[in-house]
Amino acid sequence: MASGAATAARGAAVPLALRLRERLDRLTKPRGSLGVLEDLAVQIGTVLESEQPRLRDPQMLVFAADHGIADDGVSAYPKAVTAQMLANYLRGGAAINVLARQHGLALSVVDAGVQGAAGLVGDGAGAASLLSRRIGDGTRNFRLEPAMSPRQCEAAIAAGRAIAAQRIEAGSNVLLLGEMGIGNTASAALLLHRLTDWPLEACVGRGTGVDDAGLRRKLARLAEAAARRPQPLVAEALLVEFGGFEIAMLVGTMLEAAARPCLIVVDGFTVSVAALLAERIAPGVVPHCVFSHRSAERAHDRLLSQLGVRPLLDLALRLGEGSGAALAWPLLCASTALLAEMASFESAGVSDRGD
């Protein structure tokens, strides 16, 4: 009894992350030999508050919205593509549909404000379900005026919080987050510029694949937008001025998930910018986040370094829509399975290096 009480007391005194690391070190392998998978297991266990964490009911959420800045030709595609791709998700034909089916991920697409999307419905198995949480018919052109009103921003953040709360209360403890919206890398780049004071040129990339002339045009339009509101602004005010409805909903989703034992799997550049915004609003969000990959968007690598995180994959992806998060999902499953199922040196009768 005394020994059991002492063990319990030690368990309460030793931080969970250290107990997880000690458990990994007792497994039948050289210490640290599983590399990043060991770090990932410690992170997952710490977030889920368990020495034997289980990932339950993974939910892939893709937030979609239109952006007024797209009218300025900052993308290689017209604004109409946002609604067309939303229909494609609902028919099951997009890359994220394929990856979600392959990995058994429940896929929902959130219409945060897609122009021309009213009346769209899913058409059966293998397709995404649709959550209509429309704040408006896309944002305004933030080169000329604020992208949204403060009330709209609050509503978008609240909608994201509610979606996360519903999924978690229904039994999920891991949310995989993606986005889609023509013009949203322009919004994310300008938000990053204002959040970090990095030169605008260092933040603006090719997005959907604009050519050199398109990149110059994108940079010029964003410079005009930044000059319209040059004063220092807090994160919420930056969202009002330069954000997107889907970015604000991503922020709300992360804020809610990070307040609970829930893991957040971040896709690419735009979702990472949302994570930075959420961290500025409520410090402590980033430790809940697994950053799935380093995208080909220009500023993503520097942003990951700023956040102090290491992505799991580096595949030169720049699709968005949660594709990188879905591709990283098997690594999360592997890390928790290894933690739970490997034998220890003692239980397997294998000599440890110190024996």
Protein backbone atom coordinates (compact mmCIF):
# COMPACT_ATOMS: atom_id res chain seq x y z
CA MET A 1 0.00 0.00 0.00
CA ALA A 2 2.74 2.38 0.94
CA SER A 3 4.55 1.64 -2.32
CA GLY A 4 1.35 2.25 -4.34
CA ALA A 5 0.76 5.53 -2.54
CA ALA A 6 4.33 6.59 -3.21
CA THR A 7 3.98 5.77 -6.90
CA ALA A 8 0.75 7.75 -7.12
CA ALA A 9 2.35 10.68 -5.34
CA ARG A 10 5.29 10.63 -7.72
CA GLY A 11 2.92 10.49 -10.71
CA ALA A 12 1.15 13.58 -9.43
CA ALA A 13 4.44 15.40 -8.85
CA VAL A 14 6.24 14.55 -12.10
CA PRO A 15 5.01 16.56 -15.12
CA LEU A 16 3.05 14.50 -17.62
CA ALA A 17 5.46 15.32 -20.46
CA LEU A 18 8.35 13.92 -18.42
CA ARG A 19 6.39 10.77 -17.54
CA LEU A 20 5.64 10.24 -21.23
CA ARG A 21 9.29 10.69 -22.11
CA GLU A 22 10.30 8.20 -19.41
CA ARG A 23 7.76 5.71 -20.74
CA LEU A 24 9.18 6.05 -24.26
CA ASP A 25 12.70 5.55 -22.91
CA ARG A 26 11.66 2.23 -21.32
CA LEU A 27 10.38 0.80 -24.62
CA THR A 28 12.41 -1.78 -26.55
CA LYS A 29 14.45 0.58 -28.71
CA PRO A 30 17.48 2.82 -28.31
CA ARG A 31 16.44 6.00 -26.56
CA GLY A 32 15.25 8.66 -28.98
CA SER A 33 15.56 6.34 -31.96
CA LEU A 34 12.04 7.07 -33.19
CA GLY A 35 12.98 10.72 -33.48
CA VAL A 36 10.12 13.10 -34.24
CA LEU A 37 7.55 10.37 -33.59
CA GLU A 38 8.62 10.36 -29.95
CA ASP A 39 8.27 14.13 -29.69
CA LEU A 40 4.86 13.82 -31.33
CA ALA A 41 3.73 11.15 -28.87
CA VAL A 42 4.77 13.36 -25.95
CA GLN A 43 2.89 16.32 -27.42
CA ILE A 44 -0.26 14.29 -28.08
CA GLY A 45 -0.23 12.76 -24.62
CA THR A 46 0.33 16.14 -22.99
CA VAL A 47 -2.49 17.81 -24.94
CA LEU A 48 -4.89 14.92 -24.33
CA GLU A 49 -3.78 14.68 -20.68
CA SER A 50 -3.03 10.96 -20.81
CA GLU A 51 -0.03 8.63 -20.57
CA GLN A 52 -1.80 6.36 -23.07
CA PRO A 53 -3.56 8.81 -25.39
CA ARG A 54 -6.13 7.67 -27.94
CA LEU A 55 -7.10 9.78 -30.94
CA ARG A 56 -10.89 9.64 -31.15
CA ASP A 57 -13.25 10.47 -34.02
CA PRO A 58 -10.92 12.69 -36.10
CA GLN A 59 -12.75 15.56 -37.78
CA MET A 60 -11.46 17.24 -40.94
CA LEU A 61 -12.90 20.75 -41.19
CA VAL A 62 -12.33 22.84 -44.33
CA PHE A 63 -13.41 26.47 -43.98
CA ALA A 64 -14.30 28.25 -47.23
CA ALA A 65 -15.03 31.91 -48.04
CA ASP A 66 -14.59 34.52 -50.73
CA HIS A 67 -12.40 37.61 -50.54
CA GLY A 68 -13.07 41.02 -52.05
CA ILE A 69 -9.36 41.49 -52.76
CA ALA A 70 -9.71 38.74 -55.40
CA ASP A 71 -11.39 41.37 -57.61
CA ASP A 72 -7.95 42.99 -57.90
CA GLY A 73 -6.47 40.00 -59.73
CA VAL A 74 -4.27 38.74 -56.87
CA SER A 75 -4.96 35.09 -57.75
CA ALA A 76 -4.39 32.94 -60.81
CA TYR A 77 -8.07 31.92 -60.61
CA PRO A 78 -11.31 33.93 -60.68
CA LYS A 79 -13.41 34.31 -57.55
CA ALA A 80 -16.08 31.98 -58.97
CA VAL A 81 -13.73 29.04 -58.36
CA THR A 82 -14.42 29.14 -54.61
CA ALA A 83 -18.08 28.17 -55.10
CA GLN A 84 -17.15 25.71 -57.85
CA MET A 85 -14.66 23.96 -55.57
CA LEU A 86 -17.19 23.92 -52.74
CA ALA A 87 -19.54 22.04 -55.07
CA ASN A 88 -16.67 19.69 -55.95
CA TYR A 89 -16.11 18.89 -52.27
CA LEU A 90 -19.79 18.12 -51.88
CA ARG A 91 -19.63 15.74 -54.86
CA GLY A 92 -16.56 14.01 -53.42
CA GLY A 93 -14.17 14.88 -56.25
CA ALA A 94 -11.45 17.01 -54.66
CA ALA A 95 -8.04 15.93 -53.34
CA ILE A 96 -9.20 16.30 -49.75
CA ASN A 97 -12.16 14.00 -50.43
CA VAL A 98 -9.78 11.32 -51.70
CA LEU A 99 -7.43 11.69 -48.73
CA ALA A 100 -10.25 11.80 -46.18
CA ARG A 101 -11.73 8.61 -47.63
CA GLN A 102 -8.34 6.91 -47.66
CA HIS A 103 -7.67 7.69 -44.00
CA GLY A 104 -11.19 7.40 -42.60
CA LEU A 105 -11.54 11.08 -41.70
CA ALA A 106 -15.00 12.60 -41.34
CA LEU A 107 -14.95 15.58 -43.72
CA SER A 108 -17.05 18.70 -43.31
CA VAL A 109 -16.82 21.86 -45.40
CA VAL A 110 -17.87 25.07 -43.68
CA ASP A 111 -19.39 27.77 -45.86
CA ALA A 112 -18.18 30.83 -43.97
CA GLY A 113 -19.17 33.17 -46.81
CA VAL A 114 -18.88 31.79 -50.33
CA GLN A 115 -20.49 33.88 -53.04
CA GLY A 116 -23.00 31.87 -55.07
CA ALA A 117 -22.96 28.87 -52.73
CA ALA A 118 -26.54 29.15 -51.48
CA GLY A 119 -28.51 25.97 -52.10
CA LEU A 120 -25.53 23.64 -52.46
CA VAL A 121 -25.97 20.23 -50.83
CA GLY A 122 -23.85 17.09 -50.60
CA ASP A 123 -24.79 14.08 -52.71
CA GLY A 124 -23.96 11.03 -50.67
CA ALA A 125 -21.28 8.72 -49.39
CA GLY A 126 -17.70 9.76 -49.95
CA ALA A 127 -18.59 13.43 -50.25
CA ALA A 128 -18.17 16.17 -47.67
CA SER A 129 -20.98 17.28 -45.42
CA LEU A 130 -21.80 20.99 -45.57
CA LEU A 131 -22.02 23.31 -42.59
CA SER A 132 -23.56 26.64 -43.55
CA ARG A 133 -22.26 29.32 -41.20
CA ARG A 134 -22.36 32.20 -43.64
CA ILE A 135 -21.32 35.58 -42.26
CA GLY A 136 -21.80 37.36 -45.58
CA ASP A 137 -21.33 36.96 -49.31
CA GLY A 138 -17.55 37.18 -48.98
CA THR A 139 -15.50 39.99 -47.50
CA ARG A 140 -15.14 43.47 -48.94
CA ASN A 141 -12.03 44.55 -50.84
CA PHE A 142 -9.64 45.43 -48.03
CA ARG A 143 -7.53 47.56 -50.36
CA LEU A 144 -10.38 50.07 -50.28
CA GLU A 145 -12.10 49.51 -46.91
CA PRO A 146 -12.16 47.11 -43.95
CA ALA A 147 -12.73 43.52 -44.99
CA MET A 148 -15.52 43.10 -42.46
CA SER A 149 -17.25 44.86 -39.60
CA PRO A 150 -16.26 44.20 -35.98
CA ARG A 151 -19.65 42.51 -35.50
CA GLN A 152 -18.99 40.19 -38.44
CA CYS A 153 -15.56 39.33 -37.07
CA GLU A 154 -17.02 38.50 -33.67
CA ALA A 155 -19.70 36.36 -35.31
CA ALA A 156 -17.12 34.44 -37.37
CA ILE A 157 -14.92 33.73 -34.35
CA ALA A 158 -17.99 32.66 -32.35
CA ALA A 159 -19.09 30.35 -35.17
CA GLY A 160 -15.68 28.69 -35.21
CA ARG A 161 -15.81 28.23 -31.45
CA ALA A 162 -19.26 26.67 -31.68
CA ILE A 163 -18.19 24.22 -34.39
CA ALA A 164 -15.22 23.09 -32.32
CA ALA A 165 -17.31 22.78 -29.16
CA GLN A 166 -19.94 20.68 -30.94
CA ARG A 167 -17.39 18.29 -32.43
CA ILE A 168 -15.49 17.89 -29.17
CA GLU A 169 -18.61 17.41 -27.07
CA ALA A 170 -19.75 14.75 -29.56
CA GLY A 171 -16.60 12.76 -28.83
CA SER A 172 -13.76 14.03 -31.02
CA ASN A 173 -10.42 14.95 -29.49
CA VAL A 174 -8.61 15.87 -32.71
CA LEU A 175 -9.55 18.48 -35.31
CA LEU A 176 -7.74 18.67 -38.66
CA LEU A 177 -8.09 22.14 -40.17
CA GLY A 178 -7.96 23.30 -43.78
CA GLU A 179 -9.21 26.21 -45.85
CA MET A 180 -10.26 27.23 -49.33
CA GLY A 181 -10.96 30.65 -50.81
CA ILE A 182 -9.66 32.47 -53.86
CA GLY A 183 -7.59 35.38 -52.56
CA ASN A 184 -6.98 34.01 -49.09
CA THR A 185 -3.18 33.79 -49.38
CA ALA A 186 -3.27 37.54 -50.08
CA SER A 187 -5.20 38.06 -46.85
CA ALA A 188 -2.92 35.71 -44.91
CA ALA A 189 0.23 37.38 -46.27
CA LEU A 190 -0.93 40.85 -45.28
CA LEU A 191 -2.00 39.62 -41.84
CA LEU A 192 1.43 38.03 -41.38
CA HIS A 193 3.16 41.25 -42.45
CA ARG A 194 1.24 43.27 -39.89
CA LEU A 195 1.57 40.70 -37.10
CA THR A 196 5.35 40.39 -37.46
CA ASP A 197 6.53 43.62 -39.14
CA TRP A 198 8.42 41.49 -41.66
CA PRO A 199 8.81 43.19 -45.04
CA LEU A 200 5.72 42.70 -47.17
CA GLU A 201 7.89 41.22 -49.93
CA ALA A 202 8.95 38.45 -47.54
CA CYS A 203 5.34 37.56 -46.76
CA VAL A 204 3.74 37.51 -50.21
CA GLY A 205 3.96 34.33 -52.27
CA ARG A 206 2.46 32.93 -55.45
CA GLY A 207 -0.61 31.41 -53.81
CA THR A 208 -2.49 29.45 -56.46
CA GLY A 209 0.43 29.91 -58.85
CA VAL A 210 0.48 33.47 -60.17
CA ASP A 211 3.21 34.27 -62.69
CA ASP A 212 5.84 36.98 -62.16
CA ALA A 213 3.53 39.74 -63.38
CA GLY A 214 0.78 38.43 -61.13
CA LEU A 215 3.11 38.36 -58.16
CA ARG A 216 4.11 41.98 -58.77
CA ARG A 217 0.44 42.94 -59.02
CA LYS A 218 -0.40 41.04 -55.82
CA LEU A 219 2.43 42.76 -53.96
CA ALA A 220 1.39 46.21 -55.23
CA ARG A 221 -2.26 45.74 -54.24
CA LEU A 222 -1.30 44.52 -50.78
CA ALA A 223 1.07 47.45 -50.31
CA GLU A 224 -1.84 49.79 -51.08
CA ALA A 225 -4.01 47.92 -48.59
CA ALA A 226 -1.36 48.12 -45.86
CA ALA A 227 -0.99 51.86 -46.44
CA ARG A 228 -4.73 52.36 -46.01
CA ARG A 229 -4.51 51.41 -42.33
CA PRO A 230 -0.89 51.83 -41.21
CA GLN A 231 -1.49 52.12 -37.45
CA PRO A 232 -0.43 49.24 -35.16
CA LEU A 233 -3.42 46.97 -34.53
CA VAL A 234 -4.16 44.03 -32.24
CA ALA A 235 -5.01 40.66 -33.78
CA GLU A 236 -8.80 41.06 -33.74
CA ALA A 237 -8.54 44.50 -35.37
CA LEU A 238 -6.23 43.09 -38.05
CA LEU A 239 -8.85 40.45 -38.84
CA VAL A 240 -11.46 43.18 -39.24
CA GLU A 241 -9.25 45.18 -41.58
CA PHE A 242 -7.56 42.48 -43.67
CA GLY A 243 -8.96 39.08 -42.74
CA GLY A 244 -11.38 36.59 -44.25
CA PHE A 245 -14.45 34.98 -42.78
CA GLU A 246 -12.85 31.54 -43.03
CA ILE A 247 -9.65 32.77 -41.34
CA ALA A 248 -11.65 34.27 -38.47
CA MET A 249 -13.58 31.00 -38.08
CA LEU A 250 -10.31 29.07 -38.02
CA VAL A 251 -9.12 31.37 -35.24
CA GLY A 252 -12.31 30.70 -33.26
CA THR A 253 -12.02 26.95 -33.79
CA MET A 254 -8.44 26.95 -32.50
CA LEU A 255 -9.27 29.11 -29.49
CA GLU A 256 -12.04 26.72 -28.43
CA ALA A 257 -10.06 23.54 -29.10
CA ALA A 258 -7.04 24.84 -27.20
CA ALA A 259 -9.21 25.46 -24.14
CA ARG A 260 -9.98 21.71 -24.00
CA PRO A 261 -8.02 18.43 -24.19
CA CYS A 262 -8.09 18.53 -27.98
CA LEU A 263 -5.35 18.26 -30.59
CA ILE A 264 -5.31 20.66 -33.56
CA VAL A 265 -3.71 19.53 -36.82
CA VAL A 266 -2.73 22.58 -38.87
CA ASP A 267 -2.53 22.44 -42.65
CA GLY A 268 -0.48 24.99 -44.61
CA PHE A 269 0.29 28.68 -44.77
CA THR A 270 -3.12 30.24 -44.27
CA VAL A 271 -4.07 27.97 -41.36
CA SER A 272 -0.66 28.65 -39.78
CA VAL A 273 -1.34 32.40 -39.97
CA ALA A 274 -4.67 31.71 -38.23
CA ALA A 275 -2.72 29.85 -35.54
CA LEU A 276 -0.46 32.88 -35.05
CA LEU A 277 -3.54 35.12 -34.73
CA ALA A 278 -5.09 32.74 -32.19
CA GLU A 279 -1.85 32.62 -30.21
CA ARG A 280 -1.74 36.42 -30.09
CA ILE A 281 -5.33 36.51 -28.83
CA ALA A 282 -4.89 33.74 -26.24
CA PRO A 283 -1.32 32.52 -25.63
CA GLY A 284 -1.18 28.76 -25.28
CA VAL A 285 -2.84 27.77 -28.55
CA VAL A 286 0.32 26.69 -30.39
CA PRO A 287 1.23 23.87 -27.94
CA HIS A 288 -2.06 22.21 -28.96
CA CYS A 289 -1.11 22.39 -32.64
CA VAL A 290 0.63 19.80 -34.77
CA PHE A 291 1.93 21.53 -37.90
CA SER A 292 1.47 18.96 -40.63
CA HIS A 293 3.82 20.24 -43.32
CA ARG A 294 6.03 23.00 -44.65
CA SER A 295 4.28 24.42 -47.69
CA ALA A 296 5.84 25.90 -50.81
CA GLU A 297 4.36 29.32 -50.00
CA ARG A 298 7.23 31.77 -49.57
CA ALA A 299 6.81 32.80 -45.96
CA HIS A 300 5.66 29.54 -44.43
CA ASP A 301 9.08 28.27 -43.37
CA ARG A 302 9.88 31.54 -41.62
CA LEU A 303 6.48 31.54 -39.93
CA LEU A 304 7.02 28.02 -38.60
CA SER A 305 10.37 29.15 -37.19
CA GLN A 306 8.70 32.17 -35.61
CA LEU A 307 6.21 29.86 -33.91
CA GLY A 308 9.04 27.59 -32.75
CA VAL A 309 7.59 24.47 -34.35
CA ARG A 310 8.79 21.73 -36.69
CA PRO A 311 6.45 20.47 -39.42
CA LEU A 312 6.04 16.74 -39.93
CA LEU A 313 6.28 16.75 -43.74
CA ASP A 314 8.02 18.74 -46.46
CA LEU A 315 6.47 17.76 -49.79
CA ALA A 316 6.35 21.14 -51.61
CA LEU A 317 2.56 21.18 -51.22
CA ARG A 318 0.61 24.39 -51.86
CA LEU A 319 -2.91 23.07 -52.39
CA GLY A 320 -4.47 23.91 -49.05
CA GLU A 321 -7.92 22.44 -48.32
CA GLY A 322 -6.46 20.33 -45.50
CA SER A 323 -4.44 18.11 -47.81
CA GLY A 324 -1.23 18.28 -45.76
CA ALA A 325 -3.11 17.64 -42.52
CA ALA A 326 -4.70 14.51 -44.01
CA LEU A 327 -1.35 13.24 -45.30
CA ALA A 328 0.21 13.69 -41.85
CA TRP A 329 -2.62 11.87 -40.07
CA PRO A 330 -1.03 8.37 -40.28
CA LEU A 331 2.04 9.71 -38.45
CA LEU A 332 -0.12 10.80 -35.52
CA CYS A 333 -1.74 7.37 -35.44
CA ALA A 334 1.68 5.69 -35.59
CA SER A 335 3.10 7.73 -32.72
CA THR A 336 0.23 6.91 -30.36
CA ALA A 337 0.22 3.22 -31.37
CA LEU A 338 3.94 2.92 -30.68
CA LEU A 339 3.53 4.54 -27.28
CA ALA A 340 0.64 2.24 -26.35
CA GLU A 341 1.65 -1.09 -27.88
CA MET A 342 5.44 -1.49 -27.74
CA ALA A 343 6.82 -3.71 -25.02
CA SER A 344 9.13 -2.34 -22.38
CA PHE A 345 12.61 -3.77 -21.78
CA GLU A 346 11.34 -5.27 -18.53
CA SER A 347 8.15 -6.85 -19.92
CA ALA A 348 9.93 -8.26 -22.96
CA GLY A 349 12.90 -9.58 -21.04
CA VAL A 350 15.28 -7.51 -23.16
CA SER A 351 18.40 -6.04 -21.61
CA ASP A 352 18.53 -2.25 -21.53
CA ARG A 353 21.84 -0.59 -22.30
CA GLY A 354 22.44 0.04 -18.58
CA ASP A 355 21.83 -3.60 -17.55
